[in-house]
Amino acid sequence: MKKNMGGIDRIIRFMAVAILAFLLYTNNIQGMLAFVLISFAGIFLATSFISFCPLYSLLGLNSCKLKNKD
């Protein structure tokens, strides 16, 4: 897999997961919404660790800085 996520994108996803985890821990989010947000948090966490987002690939997006070969 070719990386398509940059550092800032990964940090934003980690922060979103941390915020969702805090809201779930304090019971501010409950019910079906909690399950949906847990799913998104899991996807965000997984894609952040591997630096690859399948949705970016489908849309042709790339937030990873390209290295110039000289």
N, C-alpha and C. Protein backbone atom coordinates (compact mmCIF):
# COMPACT_ATOMS: atom_id res chain seq x y z
N MET A 1 0.83 -1.19 0.00
CA MET A 1 0.00 0.00 0.00
C MET A 1 0.87 1.24 0.00
N LYS A 2 0.53 2.16 -0.82
CA LYS A 2 1.24 3.42 -0.89
C LYS A 2 0.61 4.40 0.10
N LYS A 3 1.43 5.06 0.89
CA LYS A 3 0.92 5.99 1.89
C LYS A 3 0.25 7.18 1.19
N ASN A 4 -0.91 7.59 1.71
CA ASN A 4 -1.60 8.74 1.14
C ASN A 4 -2.10 9.70 2.23
N MET A 5 -1.59 9.54 3.46
CA MET A 5 -1.98 10.43 4.55
C MET A 5 -0.74 11.11 5.13
N GLY A 6 -0.80 12.42 5.25
CA GLY A 6 0.29 13.18 5.82
C GLY A 6 0.22 13.23 7.34
N GLY A 7 1.24 13.82 7.94
CA GLY A 7 1.34 13.90 9.38
C GLY A 7 0.22 14.70 10.02
N ILE A 8 -0.13 15.83 9.43
CA ILE A 8 -1.19 16.67 10.01
C ILE A 8 -2.52 15.94 9.97
N ASP A 9 -2.78 15.25 8.89
CA ASP A 9 -4.02 14.48 8.75
C ASP A 9 -4.10 13.40 9.82
N ARG A 10 -2.97 12.73 10.07
CA ARG A 10 -2.94 11.68 11.09
C ARG A 10 -3.16 12.27 12.49
N ILE A 11 -2.57 13.42 12.78
CA ILE A 11 -2.74 14.06 14.08
C ILE A 11 -4.20 14.46 14.30
N ILE A 12 -4.82 15.01 13.27
CA ILE A 12 -6.23 15.40 13.37
C ILE A 12 -7.11 14.18 13.66
N ARG A 13 -6.82 13.06 13.01
CA ARG A 13 -7.59 11.84 13.26
C ARG A 13 -7.38 11.32 14.67
N PHE A 14 -6.12 11.35 15.17
CA PHE A 14 -5.86 10.93 16.54
C PHE A 14 -6.60 11.82 17.54
N MET A 15 -6.62 13.13 17.28
CA MET A 15 -7.34 14.04 18.17
C MET A 15 -8.84 13.76 18.15
N ALA A 16 -9.39 13.47 16.98
CA ALA A 16 -10.82 13.15 16.88
C ALA A 16 -11.14 11.88 17.67
N VAL A 17 -10.27 10.89 17.60
CA VAL A 17 -10.46 9.65 18.36
C VAL A 17 -10.40 9.93 19.85
N ALA A 18 -9.46 10.77 20.27
CA ALA A 18 -9.33 11.10 21.70
C ALA A 18 -10.58 11.82 22.20
N ILE A 19 -11.10 12.75 21.42
CA ILE A 19 -12.31 13.48 21.81
C ILE A 19 -13.50 12.54 21.89
N LEU A 20 -13.65 11.66 20.90
CA LEU A 20 -14.75 10.70 20.93
C LEU A 20 -14.63 9.75 22.12
N ALA A 21 -13.41 9.31 22.41
CA ALA A 21 -13.21 8.42 23.56
C ALA A 21 -13.60 9.13 24.85
N PHE A 22 -13.23 10.39 24.99
CA PHE A 22 -13.58 11.15 26.19
C PHE A 22 -15.10 11.31 26.31
N LEU A 23 -15.77 11.64 25.21
CA LEU A 23 -17.22 11.81 25.24
C LEU A 23 -17.94 10.50 25.57
N LEU A 24 -17.42 9.41 25.05
CA LEU A 24 -18.01 8.10 25.37
C LEU A 24 -17.75 7.72 26.82
N TYR A 25 -16.55 8.00 27.31
CA TYR A 25 -16.20 7.67 28.69
C TYR A 25 -17.05 8.44 29.70
N THR A 26 -17.37 9.70 29.37
CA THR A 26 -18.16 10.53 30.28
C THR A 26 -19.66 10.37 30.04
N ASN A 27 -20.05 9.44 29.20
CA ASN A 27 -21.46 9.14 28.88
C ASN A 27 -22.21 10.33 28.30
N ASN A 28 -21.52 11.19 27.57
CA ASN A 28 -22.19 12.28 26.87
C ASN A 28 -22.83 11.79 25.57
N ILE A 29 -22.34 10.68 25.07
CA ILE A 29 -22.88 10.08 23.85
C ILE A 29 -23.34 8.67 24.22
N GLN A 30 -24.58 8.34 23.87
CA GLN A 30 -25.13 7.04 24.22
C GLN A 30 -25.97 6.51 23.06
N GLY A 31 -26.33 5.26 23.18
CA GLY A 31 -27.25 4.65 22.22
C GLY A 31 -26.59 4.31 20.89
N MET A 32 -27.40 4.38 19.85
CA MET A 32 -26.96 4.03 18.51
C MET A 32 -25.87 4.97 18.02
N LEU A 33 -25.97 6.24 18.38
CA LEU A 33 -24.94 7.21 17.99
C LEU A 33 -23.58 6.80 18.53
N ALA A 34 -23.54 6.27 19.73
CA ALA A 34 -22.28 5.82 20.33
C ALA A 34 -21.66 4.70 19.49
N PHE A 35 -22.47 3.74 19.05
CA PHE A 35 -21.95 2.65 18.23
C PHE A 35 -21.42 3.14 16.89
N VAL A 36 -22.12 4.07 16.28
CA VAL A 36 -21.67 4.62 15.00
C VAL A 36 -20.35 5.37 15.19
N LEU A 37 -20.26 6.18 16.24
CA LEU A 37 -19.04 6.95 16.47
C LEU A 37 -17.87 6.05 16.87
N ILE A 38 -18.13 4.97 17.59
CA ILE A 38 -17.07 4.01 17.91
C ILE A 38 -16.53 3.39 16.62
N SER A 39 -17.41 3.09 15.69
CA SER A 39 -16.99 2.53 14.40
C SER A 39 -16.10 3.51 13.65
N PHE A 40 -16.52 4.78 13.58
CA PHE A 40 -15.70 5.79 12.92
C PHE A 40 -14.36 5.97 13.62
N ALA A 41 -14.37 5.96 14.94
CA ALA A 41 -13.13 6.11 15.70
C ALA A 41 -12.17 4.95 15.41
N GLY A 42 -12.70 3.75 15.32
CA GLY A 42 -11.87 2.59 14.99
C GLY A 42 -11.25 2.70 13.60
N ILE A 43 -12.05 3.16 12.66
CA ILE A 43 -11.55 3.34 11.30
C ILE A 43 -10.49 4.44 11.27
N PHE A 44 -10.75 5.56 11.94
CA PHE A 44 -9.78 6.65 12.00
C PHE A 44 -8.47 6.18 12.62
N LEU A 45 -8.56 5.43 13.70
CA LEU A 45 -7.36 4.95 14.38
C LEU A 45 -6.56 4.00 13.50
N ALA A 46 -7.24 3.07 12.85
CA ALA A 46 -6.56 2.10 11.98
C ALA A 46 -5.89 2.79 10.80
N THR A 47 -6.60 3.70 10.15
CA THR A 47 -6.03 4.37 8.99
C THR A 47 -4.88 5.30 9.39
N SER A 48 -4.92 5.84 10.59
CA SER A 48 -3.83 6.69 11.06
C SER A 48 -2.57 5.88 11.29
N PHE A 49 -2.71 4.69 11.84
CA PHE A 49 -1.54 3.86 12.10
C PHE A 49 -0.87 3.37 10.82
N ILE A 50 -1.65 3.07 9.80
CA ILE A 50 -1.06 2.55 8.56
C ILE A 50 -0.81 3.64 7.52
N SER A 51 -1.23 4.88 7.81
CA SER A 51 -1.02 6.03 6.92
C SER A 51 -1.64 5.83 5.54
N PHE A 52 -2.71 5.08 5.49
CA PHE A 52 -3.40 4.84 4.22
C PHE A 52 -4.90 4.91 4.45
N CYS A 53 -5.57 5.70 3.63
CA CYS A 53 -7.03 5.82 3.71
C CYS A 53 -7.62 5.34 2.38
N PRO A 54 -8.39 4.26 2.40
CA PRO A 54 -8.98 3.76 1.15
C PRO A 54 -9.90 4.77 0.47
N LEU A 55 -10.60 5.59 1.26
CA LEU A 55 -11.47 6.60 0.67
C LEU A 55 -10.65 7.64 -0.10
N TYR A 56 -9.50 8.03 0.44
CA TYR A 56 -8.61 8.96 -0.27
C TYR A 56 -8.18 8.34 -1.60
N SER A 57 -7.90 7.06 -1.59
CA SER A 57 -7.48 6.37 -2.80
C SER A 57 -8.58 6.40 -3.87
N LEU A 58 -9.82 6.15 -3.43
CA LEU A 58 -10.94 6.18 -4.38
C LEU A 58 -11.19 7.56 -4.96
N LEU A 59 -10.99 8.59 -4.12
CA LEU A 59 -11.24 9.97 -4.56
C LEU A 59 -10.02 10.62 -5.20
N GLY A 60 -8.89 9.95 -5.18
CA GLY A 60 -7.68 10.48 -5.77
C GLY A 60 -7.02 11.55 -4.92
N LEU A 61 -7.26 11.54 -3.61
CA LEU A 61 -6.67 12.52 -2.71
C LEU A 61 -5.37 11.99 -2.13
N ASN A 62 -4.48 12.92 -1.74
CA ASN A 62 -3.22 12.53 -1.13
C ASN A 62 -2.76 13.70 -0.27
N SER A 63 -2.68 13.51 1.04
CA SER A 63 -2.21 14.58 1.93
C SER A 63 -0.78 14.33 2.37
N CYS A 64 -0.15 13.30 1.83
CA CYS A 64 1.23 12.96 2.17
C CYS A 64 2.16 13.79 1.30
N LYS A 65 3.19 14.35 1.94
CA LYS A 65 4.16 15.14 1.18
C LYS A 65 5.00 14.20 0.31
N LEU A 66 5.20 14.61 -0.93
CA LEU A 66 5.97 13.80 -1.86
C LEU A 66 7.45 14.12 -1.70
N LYS A 67 8.28 13.10 -1.78
CA LYS A 67 9.72 13.29 -1.68
C LYS A 67 10.29 13.40 -3.10
N ASN A 68 11.10 14.42 -3.30
CA ASN A 68 11.74 14.60 -4.60
C ASN A 68 12.98 13.73 -4.68
N LYS A 69 13.11 12.99 -5.76
CA LYS A 69 14.29 12.16 -5.98
C LYS A 69 15.22 12.90 -6.93
N ASP A 70 16.41 13.18 -6.46
CA ASP A 70 17.40 13.88 -7.31
C ASP A 70 18.49 12.96 -7.74
